[in-house]
């Protein structure tokens, strides 16, 4: 069964950095496009960044130039390097990938940016 486990969240000061990880199991990781989403209190879940199986990346306008998505297929792990963090980046961050029939999500990791 597919399992996605996020880690690396926490409390960060504005202007600081954090690195999230997503460890995947139960999938042929290198074949899958992977994504980071986030959900702030009272808001809908939004796409933050995507990395394809071929390594192409795409970002939400709100994080372009500050966040970097990457993957290590040998470790079945995806990363999100977040720099110049802002209070509006505060959210629960989720790892996501799609199977043939289902979409899979991690449990989420909280990132709180204090001003």
N, C-alpha and C. Protein backbone atom coordinates (compact mmCIF):
# COMPACT_ATOMS: atom_id res chain seq x y z
N UNK A 1 0.85 -1.19 0.00
CA UNK A 1 0.00 0.00 0.00
C UNK A 1 0.88 1.23 0.00
N UNK A 2 0.33 2.29 -0.60
CA UNK A 2 1.09 3.53 -0.73
C UNK A 2 1.11 4.26 0.60
N UNK A 3 2.28 4.72 0.98
CA UNK A 3 2.42 5.50 2.20
C UNK A 3 3.33 6.70 1.91
N UNK A 4 2.87 7.88 2.33
CA UNK A 4 3.65 9.11 2.21
C UNK A 4 3.80 9.70 3.61
N UNK A 5 5.02 9.97 4.01
CA UNK A 5 5.27 10.47 5.36
C UNK A 5 6.09 11.75 5.28
N UNK A 6 5.47 12.86 5.71
CA UNK A 6 6.16 14.15 5.71
C UNK A 6 6.90 14.37 7.02
N UNK A 7 7.95 15.16 6.95
CA UNK A 7 8.68 15.57 8.14
C UNK A 7 9.36 16.90 7.86
N UNK A 8 9.81 17.55 8.94
CA UNK A 8 10.59 18.77 8.78
C UNK A 8 9.88 20.05 9.10
N UNK A 9 8.60 19.99 9.46
CA UNK A 9 7.90 21.21 9.80
C UNK A 9 8.30 21.71 11.17
N UNK A 10 7.72 22.84 11.55
CA UNK A 10 8.01 23.41 12.86
C UNK A 10 7.77 24.90 12.88
N UNK A 11 8.32 25.55 13.90
CA UNK A 11 8.18 26.99 14.07
C UNK A 11 9.43 27.68 13.53
N UNK A 12 9.22 28.64 12.64
CA UNK A 12 10.32 29.35 12.00
C UNK A 12 10.03 30.85 12.05
N UNK A 13 11.06 31.64 12.22
CA UNK A 13 10.88 33.09 12.18
C UNK A 13 10.77 33.57 10.74
N UNK A 14 10.04 34.64 10.56
CA UNK A 14 9.94 35.25 9.23
C UNK A 14 11.33 35.55 8.69
N UNK A 15 11.52 35.23 7.41
CA UNK A 15 12.82 35.40 6.78
C UNK A 15 13.70 34.18 6.89
N UNK A 16 13.29 33.22 7.68
CA UNK A 16 14.07 32.02 7.88
C UNK A 16 13.79 30.96 6.83
N UNK A 17 14.36 29.79 7.07
CA UNK A 17 14.26 28.68 6.12
C UNK A 17 13.82 27.41 6.82
N UNK A 18 13.27 26.51 6.03
CA UNK A 18 12.91 25.18 6.52
C UNK A 18 12.96 24.23 5.34
N UNK A 19 13.19 22.96 5.64
CA UNK A 19 13.23 21.94 4.59
C UNK A 19 12.28 20.81 4.98
N UNK A 20 11.33 20.55 4.11
CA UNK A 20 10.40 19.46 4.31
C UNK A 20 10.84 18.25 3.51
N UNK A 21 10.54 17.08 4.05
CA UNK A 21 10.82 15.84 3.35
C UNK A 21 9.54 15.01 3.25
N UNK A 22 9.45 14.23 2.20
CA UNK A 22 8.33 13.30 2.02
C UNK A 22 8.92 11.96 1.60
N UNK A 23 8.82 10.98 2.50
CA UNK A 23 9.30 9.64 2.21
C UNK A 23 8.15 8.80 1.68
N UNK A 24 8.36 8.18 0.54
CA UNK A 24 7.30 7.41 -0.12
C UNK A 24 7.64 5.93 -0.09
N UNK A 25 6.60 5.13 0.06
CA UNK A 25 6.74 3.68 -0.03
C UNK A 25 5.50 3.12 -0.71
N UNK A 26 5.63 1.92 -1.27
CA UNK A 26 4.49 1.29 -1.92
C UNK A 26 4.22 1.77 -3.33
N UNK A 27 5.12 2.61 -3.85
CA UNK A 27 5.00 3.08 -5.23
C UNK A 27 6.35 2.94 -5.91
N UNK A 28 6.32 2.88 -7.24
CA UNK A 28 7.57 2.97 -7.99
C UNK A 28 7.86 4.46 -8.09
N UNK A 29 8.56 4.97 -7.08
CA UNK A 29 8.69 6.40 -6.86
C UNK A 29 9.17 7.13 -8.11
N UNK A 30 10.16 6.57 -8.78
CA UNK A 30 10.76 7.27 -9.92
C UNK A 30 9.78 7.44 -11.07
N UNK A 31 8.70 6.69 -11.09
CA UNK A 31 7.72 6.80 -12.17
C UNK A 31 6.67 7.88 -11.90
N UNK A 32 6.59 8.32 -10.65
CA UNK A 32 5.48 9.18 -10.24
C UNK A 32 5.82 10.66 -10.23
N UNK A 33 4.89 11.47 -10.75
CA UNK A 33 4.93 12.90 -10.46
C UNK A 33 4.58 13.07 -8.99
N UNK A 34 5.22 14.05 -8.35
CA UNK A 34 5.00 14.30 -6.93
C UNK A 34 4.68 15.77 -6.73
N UNK A 35 3.95 16.06 -5.64
CA UNK A 35 3.56 17.44 -5.41
C UNK A 35 3.51 17.76 -3.92
N UNK A 36 3.68 19.04 -3.63
CA UNK A 36 3.43 19.59 -2.30
C UNK A 36 2.20 20.49 -2.38
N UNK A 37 1.32 20.31 -1.41
CA UNK A 37 0.17 21.18 -1.23
C UNK A 37 0.26 21.77 0.17
N UNK A 38 -0.53 22.80 0.41
CA UNK A 38 -0.63 23.33 1.77
C UNK A 38 -2.05 23.82 2.02
N UNK A 39 -2.39 23.83 3.31
CA UNK A 39 -3.72 24.31 3.70
C UNK A 39 -3.57 25.15 4.95
N UNK A 40 -3.91 26.42 4.82
CA UNK A 40 -3.90 27.34 5.95
C UNK A 40 -5.26 27.31 6.64
N UNK A 41 -5.32 27.70 7.91
CA UNK A 41 -6.59 27.68 8.63
C UNK A 41 -7.65 28.49 7.91
N UNK A 42 -8.82 27.88 7.71
CA UNK A 42 -9.92 28.58 7.08
C UNK A 42 -9.81 28.73 5.58
N UNK A 43 -8.79 28.13 4.99
CA UNK A 43 -8.59 28.26 3.54
C UNK A 43 -8.60 26.89 2.88
N UNK A 44 -8.79 26.91 1.56
CA UNK A 44 -8.75 25.66 0.80
C UNK A 44 -7.31 25.19 0.61
N UNK A 45 -7.18 23.91 0.43
CA UNK A 45 -5.87 23.35 0.13
C UNK A 45 -5.41 23.87 -1.23
N UNK A 46 -4.15 24.27 -1.32
CA UNK A 46 -3.64 24.81 -2.56
C UNK A 46 -2.35 24.12 -2.97
N UNK A 47 -2.14 24.07 -4.28
CA UNK A 47 -0.92 23.48 -4.82
C UNK A 47 0.25 24.44 -4.61
N UNK A 48 1.35 23.91 -4.09
CA UNK A 48 2.54 24.72 -3.86
C UNK A 48 3.57 24.48 -4.96
N UNK A 49 3.87 23.21 -5.23
CA UNK A 49 4.90 22.90 -6.22
C UNK A 49 4.71 21.46 -6.70
N UNK A 50 5.16 21.24 -7.93
CA UNK A 50 5.09 19.92 -8.55
C UNK A 50 6.45 19.58 -9.13
N UNK A 51 6.80 18.31 -9.05
CA UNK A 51 7.98 17.83 -9.76
C UNK A 51 7.58 16.56 -10.50
N UNK A 52 7.85 16.54 -11.80
CA UNK A 52 7.45 15.38 -12.60
C UNK A 52 8.46 14.24 -12.43
N UNK A 53 8.10 13.09 -12.97
CA UNK A 53 9.02 11.95 -12.92
C UNK A 53 10.32 12.28 -13.66
N UNK A 54 10.23 13.17 -14.62
CA UNK A 54 11.41 13.57 -15.38
C UNK A 54 12.18 14.72 -14.76
N UNK A 55 11.68 15.25 -13.64
CA UNK A 55 12.40 16.30 -12.94
C UNK A 55 11.97 17.72 -13.27
N UNK A 56 10.96 17.87 -14.12
CA UNK A 56 10.48 19.23 -14.39
C UNK A 56 9.71 19.74 -13.19
N UNK A 57 9.81 21.03 -12.95
CA UNK A 57 9.18 21.61 -11.77
C UNK A 57 8.25 22.75 -12.15
N UNK A 58 7.28 22.98 -11.28
CA UNK A 58 6.37 24.10 -11.45
C UNK A 58 5.96 24.58 -10.06
N UNK A 59 5.75 25.90 -9.94
CA UNK A 59 5.49 26.48 -8.63
C UNK A 59 4.30 27.42 -8.66
N UNK A 60 3.63 27.52 -7.52
CA UNK A 60 2.62 28.57 -7.35
C UNK A 60 3.33 29.92 -7.39
N UNK A 61 2.63 30.91 -7.92
CA UNK A 61 3.23 32.24 -8.02
C UNK A 61 3.69 32.76 -6.66
N UNK A 62 2.95 32.40 -5.62
CA UNK A 62 3.22 32.93 -4.29
C UNK A 62 4.54 32.43 -3.70
N UNK A 63 5.11 31.35 -4.26
CA UNK A 63 6.35 30.79 -3.70
C UNK A 63 7.51 30.81 -4.69
N UNK A 64 7.25 31.23 -5.92
CA UNK A 64 8.32 31.25 -6.93
C UNK A 64 9.49 32.09 -6.45
N UNK A 65 10.68 31.55 -6.63
CA UNK A 65 11.88 32.28 -6.23
C UNK A 65 12.26 32.07 -4.77
N UNK A 66 11.35 31.49 -3.99
CA UNK A 66 11.63 31.26 -2.55
C UNK A 66 11.69 29.78 -2.21
N UNK A 67 10.86 28.98 -2.87
CA UNK A 67 10.79 27.55 -2.58
C UNK A 67 11.41 26.76 -3.73
N UNK A 68 12.01 25.61 -3.38
CA UNK A 68 12.58 24.72 -4.38
C UNK A 68 12.15 23.29 -4.08
N UNK A 69 11.51 22.66 -5.06
CA UNK A 69 11.11 21.26 -4.93
C UNK A 69 12.17 20.40 -5.60
N UNK A 70 12.45 19.25 -4.99
CA UNK A 70 13.44 18.33 -5.55
C UNK A 70 13.08 16.91 -5.15
N UNK A 71 13.78 15.96 -5.75
CA UNK A 71 13.52 14.56 -5.43
C UNK A 71 14.81 13.78 -5.51
N UNK A 72 14.86 12.72 -4.72
CA UNK A 72 15.98 11.78 -4.75
C UNK A 72 15.37 10.40 -4.96
N UNK A 73 15.40 9.95 -6.20
CA UNK A 73 14.74 8.68 -6.53
C UNK A 73 15.42 7.49 -5.84
N UNK A 74 16.69 7.59 -5.57
CA UNK A 74 17.39 6.50 -4.89
C UNK A 74 16.90 6.34 -3.45
N UNK A 75 16.41 7.44 -2.87
CA UNK A 75 15.93 7.40 -1.48
C UNK A 75 14.41 7.42 -1.40
N UNK A 76 13.73 7.42 -2.56
CA UNK A 76 12.26 7.49 -2.57
C UNK A 76 11.76 8.67 -1.75
N UNK A 77 12.42 9.79 -1.90
CA UNK A 77 12.11 10.95 -1.07
C UNK A 77 12.02 12.22 -1.91
N UNK A 78 11.06 13.06 -1.57
CA UNK A 78 10.89 14.36 -2.18
C UNK A 78 11.15 15.42 -1.12
N UNK A 79 11.61 16.58 -1.57
CA UNK A 79 11.94 17.65 -0.63
C UNK A 79 11.28 18.97 -1.05
N UNK A 80 11.13 19.84 -0.07
CA UNK A 80 10.72 21.21 -0.35
C UNK A 80 11.60 22.13 0.49
N UNK A 81 12.52 22.81 -0.17
CA UNK A 81 13.35 23.79 0.51
C UNK A 81 12.63 25.13 0.48
N UNK A 82 12.38 25.67 1.65
CA UNK A 82 11.60 26.91 1.76
C UNK A 82 12.50 28.00 2.36
N UNK A 83 12.74 29.04 1.59
CA UNK A 83 13.56 30.16 2.05
C UNK A 83 12.72 31.43 2.12
N UNK A 84 13.25 32.43 2.80
CA UNK A 84 12.56 33.73 2.94
C UNK A 84 11.11 33.54 3.35
N UNK A 85 10.90 32.73 4.35
CA UNK A 85 9.54 32.40 4.76
C UNK A 85 8.80 33.63 5.29
N UNK A 86 7.51 33.65 5.02
CA UNK A 86 6.63 34.73 5.42
C UNK A 86 5.53 34.17 6.32
N UNK A 87 4.93 35.02 7.16
CA UNK A 87 3.83 34.53 8.00
C UNK A 87 2.70 33.90 7.17
N UNK A 88 2.48 34.38 5.96
CA UNK A 88 1.41 33.82 5.13
C UNK A 88 1.76 32.44 4.58
N UNK A 89 2.97 31.96 4.80
CA UNK A 89 3.32 30.59 4.45
C UNK A 89 2.89 29.60 5.53
N UNK A 90 2.40 30.11 6.65
CA UNK A 90 1.94 29.23 7.73
C UNK A 90 0.80 28.35 7.24
N UNK A 91 0.97 27.04 7.39
CA UNK A 91 -0.02 26.08 6.89
C UNK A 91 0.43 24.67 7.27
N UNK A 92 -0.48 23.74 7.05
CA UNK A 92 -0.10 22.33 7.06
C UNK A 92 0.29 21.97 5.64
N UNK A 93 1.46 21.39 5.49
CA UNK A 93 2.00 21.03 4.18
C UNK A 93 1.83 19.52 3.97
N UNK A 94 1.29 19.18 2.78
CA UNK A 94 0.99 17.80 2.45
C UNK A 94 1.76 17.37 1.22
N UNK A 95 2.18 16.13 1.26
CA UNK A 95 2.81 15.45 0.12
C UNK A 95 1.72 14.71 -0.64
N UNK A 96 1.82 14.67 -1.96
CA UNK A 96 0.77 14.05 -2.77
C UNK A 96 1.36 13.36 -3.99
N UNK A 97 0.76 12.23 -4.35
CA UNK A 97 1.02 11.61 -5.63
C UNK A 97 -0.25 10.88 -6.07
N UNK A 98 -0.39 10.69 -7.36
CA UNK A 98 -1.57 10.04 -7.90
C UNK A 98 -1.23 8.64 -8.40
N UNK A 99 -2.06 7.67 -8.01
CA UNK A 99 -1.98 6.35 -8.58
C UNK A 99 -2.90 6.26 -9.78
N UNK A 100 -3.09 5.04 -10.28
CA UNK A 100 -3.98 4.88 -11.45
C UNK A 100 -5.42 5.22 -11.12
N UNK A 101 -5.83 4.90 -9.90
CA UNK A 101 -7.23 5.09 -9.53
C UNK A 101 -7.41 6.07 -8.37
N UNK A 102 -6.38 6.22 -7.56
CA UNK A 102 -6.52 7.00 -6.33
C UNK A 102 -5.45 8.08 -6.25
N UNK A 103 -5.77 9.11 -5.46
CA UNK A 103 -4.79 10.13 -5.12
C UNK A 103 -4.35 9.87 -3.68
N UNK A 104 -3.05 9.92 -3.44
CA UNK A 104 -2.51 9.58 -2.14
C UNK A 104 -1.96 10.82 -1.45
N UNK A 105 -2.18 10.88 -0.13
CA UNK A 105 -1.76 12.03 0.66
C UNK A 105 -1.03 11.57 1.91
N UNK A 106 -0.07 12.37 2.34
CA UNK A 106 0.54 12.16 3.63
C UNK A 106 -0.34 12.74 4.73
N UNK A 107 0.14 12.62 5.96
CA UNK A 107 -0.64 13.10 7.10
C UNK A 107 -0.47 14.61 7.31
N UNK A 108 0.53 15.17 6.66
CA UNK A 108 0.76 16.61 6.76
C UNK A 108 1.77 16.96 7.84
N UNK A 109 2.45 18.07 7.64
CA UNK A 109 3.38 18.59 8.64
C UNK A 109 3.14 20.09 8.78
N UNK A 110 3.05 20.54 10.02
CA UNK A 110 2.73 21.95 10.28
C UNK A 110 3.97 22.82 10.14
N UNK A 111 3.82 23.90 9.40
CA UNK A 111 4.85 24.94 9.33
C UNK A 111 4.23 26.24 9.84
N UNK A 112 4.82 26.80 10.86
CA UNK A 112 4.34 28.05 11.43
C UNK A 112 5.44 29.09 11.34
N UNK A 113 5.14 30.21 10.68
CA UNK A 113 6.11 31.28 10.50
C UNK A 113 5.70 32.46 11.37
N UNK A 114 6.54 32.79 12.32
CA UNK A 114 6.23 33.89 13.24
C UNK A 114 6.81 35.20 12.71
N UNK A 115 6.07 36.27 12.95
CA UNK A 115 6.52 37.58 12.46
C UNK A 115 7.38 38.30 13.49
